[in-house]
Amino acid sequence: MPVWTAYLLDLLVSFLLITFLFGLLFKLLPDVSVNWKSVGIGAVVTAVLFMFGKYLIGMYIRSAGIGSIYGAAGSLVVVLVWTYYSSLILFFGRGTYPGLRQT
């Protein structure tokens, strides 16, 4: 199997799994009834943003060399930025529901 095929397969499986997990989170967690179409839209948007952010943070860690400048504190800063970014995209994906029905 060529390397690019394995990479694309890994990307597809990761995207589907992350989308499924965000979909479950958006469907089961709220106290309101949410239809599956709205959950699907929110889960896909959130998964795309999550994977894009994961790629950008990984690129930053590889190229910035924060360990040599700040030592262990640089890793803490990156973890805090990743946590902040993850929470923002989770809330943004949650806000893409076109309509919520109160139960």
N, C-alpha and C. Protein backbone atom coordinates (compact mmCIF):
# COMPACT_ATOMS: atom_id res chain seq x y z
N MET A 1 0.85 -1.17 0.00
CA MET A 1 0.00 0.00 0.00
C MET A 1 0.90 1.24 0.00
N PRO A 2 0.65 2.17 -0.90
CA PRO A 2 1.46 3.39 -0.91
C PRO A 2 1.24 4.22 0.35
N VAL A 3 2.22 5.04 0.66
CA VAL A 3 2.16 5.85 1.87
C VAL A 3 1.01 6.85 1.81
N TRP A 4 0.78 7.46 0.65
CA TRP A 4 -0.29 8.46 0.55
C TRP A 4 -1.66 7.82 0.74
N THR A 5 -1.82 6.57 0.34
CA THR A 5 -3.09 5.88 0.53
C THR A 5 -3.33 5.62 2.02
N ALA A 6 -2.29 5.20 2.71
CA ALA A 6 -2.41 4.97 4.15
C ALA A 6 -2.70 6.28 4.87
N TYR A 7 -2.07 7.36 4.43
CA TYR A 7 -2.32 8.67 5.05
C TYR A 7 -3.76 9.10 4.84
N LEU A 8 -4.28 8.96 3.61
CA LEU A 8 -5.66 9.34 3.33
C LEU A 8 -6.65 8.46 4.09
N LEU A 9 -6.35 7.17 4.20
CA LEU A 9 -7.20 6.27 4.95
C LEU A 9 -7.22 6.65 6.43
N ASP A 10 -6.06 6.98 6.97
CA ASP A 10 -5.96 7.42 8.36
C ASP A 10 -6.74 8.71 8.57
N LEU A 11 -6.63 9.65 7.64
CA LEU A 11 -7.35 10.91 7.72
C LEU A 11 -8.86 10.69 7.67
N LEU A 12 -9.31 9.82 6.79
CA LEU A 12 -10.74 9.54 6.66
C LEU A 12 -11.30 8.86 7.90
N VAL A 13 -10.60 7.85 8.39
CA VAL A 13 -11.07 7.14 9.58
C VAL A 13 -11.08 8.07 10.79
N SER A 14 -10.04 8.91 10.93
CA SER A 14 -10.01 9.86 12.04
C SER A 14 -11.16 10.84 11.95
N PHE A 15 -11.42 11.35 10.74
CA PHE A 15 -12.51 12.30 10.56
C PHE A 15 -13.86 11.67 10.90
N LEU A 16 -14.09 10.46 10.43
CA LEU A 16 -15.36 9.79 10.71
C LEU A 16 -15.53 9.51 12.20
N LEU A 17 -14.46 9.07 12.86
CA LEU A 17 -14.55 8.78 14.29
C LEU A 17 -14.77 10.05 15.10
N ILE A 18 -14.06 11.11 14.78
CA ILE A 18 -14.22 12.37 15.50
C ILE A 18 -15.62 12.94 15.26
N THR A 19 -16.10 12.86 14.02
CA THR A 19 -17.45 13.33 13.72
C THR A 19 -18.49 12.53 14.50
N PHE A 20 -18.33 11.23 14.55
CA PHE A 20 -19.25 10.37 15.30
C PHE A 20 -19.25 10.73 16.78
N LEU A 21 -18.08 10.93 17.36
CA LEU A 21 -18.00 11.25 18.78
C LEU A 21 -18.59 12.62 19.10
N PHE A 22 -18.30 13.62 18.26
CA PHE A 22 -18.92 14.92 18.47
C PHE A 22 -20.43 14.84 18.27
N GLY A 23 -20.88 14.04 17.32
CA GLY A 23 -22.31 13.88 17.11
C GLY A 23 -23.00 13.28 18.33
N LEU A 24 -22.38 12.26 18.91
CA LEU A 24 -22.94 11.69 20.13
C LEU A 24 -22.96 12.70 21.27
N LEU A 25 -21.90 13.47 21.37
CA LEU A 25 -21.82 14.49 22.41
C LEU A 25 -22.92 15.52 22.23
N PHE A 26 -23.15 15.96 20.99
CA PHE A 26 -24.15 16.98 20.73
C PHE A 26 -25.57 16.44 20.83
N LYS A 27 -25.76 15.17 20.60
CA LYS A 27 -27.10 14.58 20.67
C LYS A 27 -27.49 14.20 22.10
N LEU A 28 -26.59 13.62 22.84
CA LEU A 28 -26.93 13.07 24.15
C LEU A 28 -26.73 14.04 25.31
N LEU A 29 -25.87 15.02 25.16
CA LEU A 29 -25.54 15.88 26.28
C LEU A 29 -26.59 16.96 26.60
N PRO A 30 -27.17 17.64 25.61
CA PRO A 30 -28.11 18.72 25.97
C PRO A 30 -29.42 18.22 26.55
N ASP A 31 -30.11 19.14 27.23
CA ASP A 31 -31.41 18.84 27.83
C ASP A 31 -32.57 19.10 26.87
N VAL A 32 -32.27 19.37 25.62
CA VAL A 32 -33.31 19.63 24.63
C VAL A 32 -33.26 18.54 23.57
N SER A 33 -34.35 18.42 22.82
CA SER A 33 -34.41 17.45 21.75
C SER A 33 -33.80 18.06 20.49
N VAL A 34 -32.77 17.45 19.94
CA VAL A 34 -32.08 17.95 18.77
C VAL A 34 -32.23 16.92 17.66
N ASN A 35 -32.65 17.37 16.46
CA ASN A 35 -32.81 16.40 15.38
C ASN A 35 -31.44 16.00 14.82
N TRP A 36 -31.39 14.87 14.17
CA TRP A 36 -30.12 14.30 13.72
C TRP A 36 -29.48 15.13 12.61
N LYS A 37 -30.28 15.82 11.81
CA LYS A 37 -29.71 16.65 10.75
C LYS A 37 -28.89 17.79 11.36
N SER A 38 -29.42 18.42 12.39
CA SER A 38 -28.70 19.49 13.07
C SER A 38 -27.46 18.97 13.76
N VAL A 39 -27.58 17.81 14.37
CA VAL A 39 -26.43 17.19 15.02
C VAL A 39 -25.34 16.88 14.00
N GLY A 40 -25.74 16.37 12.84
CA GLY A 40 -24.76 16.05 11.79
C GLY A 40 -24.02 17.27 11.29
N ILE A 41 -24.75 18.37 11.07
CA ILE A 41 -24.10 19.60 10.62
C ILE A 41 -23.11 20.10 11.66
N GLY A 42 -23.54 20.16 12.90
CA GLY A 42 -22.66 20.62 13.98
C GLY A 42 -21.45 19.71 14.16
N ALA A 43 -21.65 18.40 14.07
CA ALA A 43 -20.55 17.45 14.25
C ALA A 43 -19.53 17.56 13.12
N VAL A 44 -19.99 17.73 11.89
CA VAL A 44 -19.06 17.85 10.76
C VAL A 44 -18.26 19.14 10.85
N VAL A 45 -18.94 20.25 11.15
CA VAL A 45 -18.24 21.53 11.28
C VAL A 45 -17.20 21.46 12.40
N THR A 46 -17.59 20.91 13.52
CA THR A 46 -16.68 20.81 14.65
C THR A 46 -15.51 19.88 14.35
N ALA A 47 -15.77 18.76 13.69
CA ALA A 47 -14.70 17.83 13.36
C ALA A 47 -13.70 18.44 12.37
N VAL A 48 -14.19 19.18 11.38
CA VAL A 48 -13.29 19.83 10.43
C VAL A 48 -12.42 20.85 11.14
N LEU A 49 -13.02 21.69 11.98
CA LEU A 49 -12.24 22.68 12.72
C LEU A 49 -11.27 22.03 13.68
N PHE A 50 -11.69 20.94 14.33
CA PHE A 50 -10.83 20.23 15.27
C PHE A 50 -9.61 19.65 14.56
N MET A 51 -9.82 19.02 13.41
CA MET A 51 -8.71 18.42 12.69
C MET A 51 -7.78 19.49 12.11
N PHE A 52 -8.35 20.59 11.65
CA PHE A 52 -7.54 21.69 11.13
C PHE A 52 -6.69 22.29 12.25
N GLY A 53 -7.28 22.49 13.41
CA GLY A 53 -6.53 23.00 14.56
C GLY A 53 -5.45 22.04 15.03
N LYS A 54 -5.76 20.76 15.00
CA LYS A 54 -4.77 19.75 15.37
C LYS A 54 -3.56 19.81 14.44
N TYR A 55 -3.84 19.98 13.16
CA TYR A 55 -2.76 20.07 12.18
C TYR A 55 -1.92 21.33 12.40
N LEU A 56 -2.58 22.46 12.63
CA LEU A 56 -1.85 23.72 12.83
C LEU A 56 -1.02 23.71 14.11
N ILE A 57 -1.58 23.17 15.19
CA ILE A 57 -0.81 23.09 16.44
C ILE A 57 0.39 22.16 16.26
N GLY A 58 0.20 21.05 15.55
CA GLY A 58 1.32 20.14 15.28
C GLY A 58 2.40 20.80 14.45
N MET A 59 1.99 21.58 13.44
CA MET A 59 2.95 22.30 12.62
C MET A 59 3.72 23.33 13.46
N TYR A 60 3.02 24.00 14.35
CA TYR A 60 3.67 25.00 15.20
C TYR A 60 4.68 24.34 16.14
N ILE A 61 4.32 23.22 16.72
CA ILE A 61 5.22 22.53 17.65
C ILE A 61 6.47 22.05 16.92
N ARG A 62 6.30 21.54 15.68
CA ARG A 62 7.45 21.06 14.92
C ARG A 62 8.39 22.18 14.52
N SER A 63 7.85 23.33 14.15
CA SER A 63 8.70 24.37 13.56
C SER A 63 9.17 25.43 14.54
N ALA A 64 8.48 25.64 15.64
CA ALA A 64 8.80 26.76 16.52
C ALA A 64 9.99 26.48 17.43
N GLY A 65 10.19 25.26 17.84
CA GLY A 65 11.28 24.95 18.76
C GLY A 65 11.09 25.61 20.11
N ILE A 66 9.89 25.55 20.64
CA ILE A 66 9.60 26.23 21.90
C ILE A 66 10.33 25.62 23.08
N GLY A 67 10.71 24.36 22.96
CA GLY A 67 11.43 23.72 24.06
C GLY A 67 12.78 24.35 24.30
N SER A 68 13.44 24.81 23.24
CA SER A 68 14.76 25.41 23.42
C SER A 68 14.67 26.84 23.95
N ILE A 69 13.55 27.52 23.70
CA ILE A 69 13.43 28.91 24.15
C ILE A 69 12.89 29.00 25.57
N TYR A 70 11.76 28.33 25.80
CA TYR A 70 11.08 28.46 27.08
C TYR A 70 11.20 27.23 27.97
N GLY A 71 11.75 26.18 27.47
CA GLY A 71 11.87 24.96 28.26
C GLY A 71 10.52 24.30 28.45
N ALA A 72 10.27 23.81 29.65
CA ALA A 72 9.01 23.11 29.94
C ALA A 72 7.82 24.05 29.93
N ALA A 73 8.03 25.32 30.19
CA ALA A 73 6.92 26.29 30.18
C ALA A 73 6.34 26.44 28.78
N GLY A 74 7.15 26.26 27.75
CA GLY A 74 6.66 26.33 26.38
C GLY A 74 5.64 25.26 26.09
N SER A 75 5.86 24.06 26.61
CA SER A 75 4.90 22.98 26.44
C SER A 75 3.59 23.29 27.15
N LEU A 76 3.68 23.90 28.31
CA LEU A 76 2.47 24.28 29.04
C LEU A 76 1.67 25.31 28.25
N VAL A 77 2.35 26.26 27.64
CA VAL A 77 1.67 27.28 26.85
C VAL A 77 0.96 26.63 25.66
N VAL A 78 1.61 25.70 24.99
CA VAL A 78 0.99 25.03 23.85
C VAL A 78 -0.23 24.22 24.29
N VAL A 79 -0.15 23.55 25.40
CA VAL A 79 -1.30 22.78 25.91
C VAL A 79 -2.45 23.72 26.26
N LEU A 80 -2.16 24.86 26.85
CA LEU A 80 -3.21 25.82 27.18
C LEU A 80 -3.85 26.41 25.93
N VAL A 81 -3.04 26.70 24.91
CA VAL A 81 -3.59 27.21 23.65
C VAL A 81 -4.46 26.15 22.98
N TRP A 82 -4.02 24.90 23.00
CA TRP A 82 -4.80 23.82 22.40
C TRP A 82 -6.13 23.64 23.14
N THR A 83 -6.11 23.72 24.46
CA THR A 83 -7.34 23.60 25.24
C THR A 83 -8.30 24.74 24.93
N TYR A 84 -7.77 25.95 24.84
CA TYR A 84 -8.60 27.11 24.51
C TYR A 84 -9.21 26.95 23.12
N TYR A 85 -8.39 26.57 22.14
CA TYR A 85 -8.88 26.40 20.78
C TYR A 85 -9.93 25.29 20.71
N SER A 86 -9.70 24.19 21.38
CA SER A 86 -10.65 23.08 21.37
C SER A 86 -11.99 23.49 21.98
N SER A 87 -11.95 24.25 23.05
CA SER A 87 -13.21 24.68 23.66
C SER A 87 -13.95 25.65 22.74
N LEU A 88 -13.24 26.51 22.04
CA LEU A 88 -13.90 27.44 21.12
C LEU A 88 -14.57 26.70 19.97
N ILE A 89 -13.89 25.72 19.37
CA ILE A 89 -14.52 25.02 18.25
C ILE A 89 -15.65 24.13 18.72
N LEU A 90 -15.57 23.63 19.94
CA LEU A 90 -16.68 22.85 20.48
C LEU A 90 -17.91 23.73 20.64
N PHE A 91 -17.73 24.92 21.18
CA PHE A 91 -18.86 25.84 21.33
C PHE A 91 -19.35 26.35 19.98
N PHE A 92 -18.46 26.58 19.04
CA PHE A 92 -18.87 27.03 17.71
C PHE A 92 -19.67 25.93 17.00
N GLY A 93 -19.20 24.71 17.06
CA GLY A 93 -19.93 23.60 16.45
C GLY A 93 -21.27 23.38 17.11
N ARG A 94 -21.35 23.58 18.40
CA ARG A 94 -22.61 23.43 19.14
C ARG A 94 -23.59 24.52 18.72
N GLY A 95 -23.08 25.67 18.32
CA GLY A 95 -23.94 26.79 17.96
C GLY A 95 -24.44 26.73 16.53
N THR A 96 -24.09 25.71 15.75
CA THR A 96 -24.52 25.64 14.36
C THR A 96 -25.87 24.95 14.20
N TYR A 97 -26.53 24.62 15.29
CA TYR A 97 -27.84 23.98 15.18
C TYR A 97 -28.85 25.01 14.67
N PRO A 98 -29.56 24.69 13.58
CA PRO A 98 -30.55 25.64 13.06
C PRO A 98 -31.74 25.85 13.99
N GLY A 99 -32.13 24.83 14.70
CA GLY A 99 -33.27 25.00 15.60
C GLY A 99 -33.26 23.95 16.69
N LEU A 100 -33.54 24.36 17.90
CA LEU A 100 -33.62 23.43 19.02
C LEU A 100 -35.07 23.40 19.49
N ARG A 101 -35.57 22.21 19.77
CA ARG A 101 -36.92 22.05 20.29
C ARG A 101 -36.83 21.79 21.78
N GLN A 102 -37.51 22.57 22.55
CA GLN A 102 -37.53 22.37 24.01
C GLN A 102 -38.37 21.15 24.35
N THR A 103 -37.87 20.29 25.24
CA THR A 103 -38.63 19.09 25.64
C THR A 103 -39.39 19.34 26.90
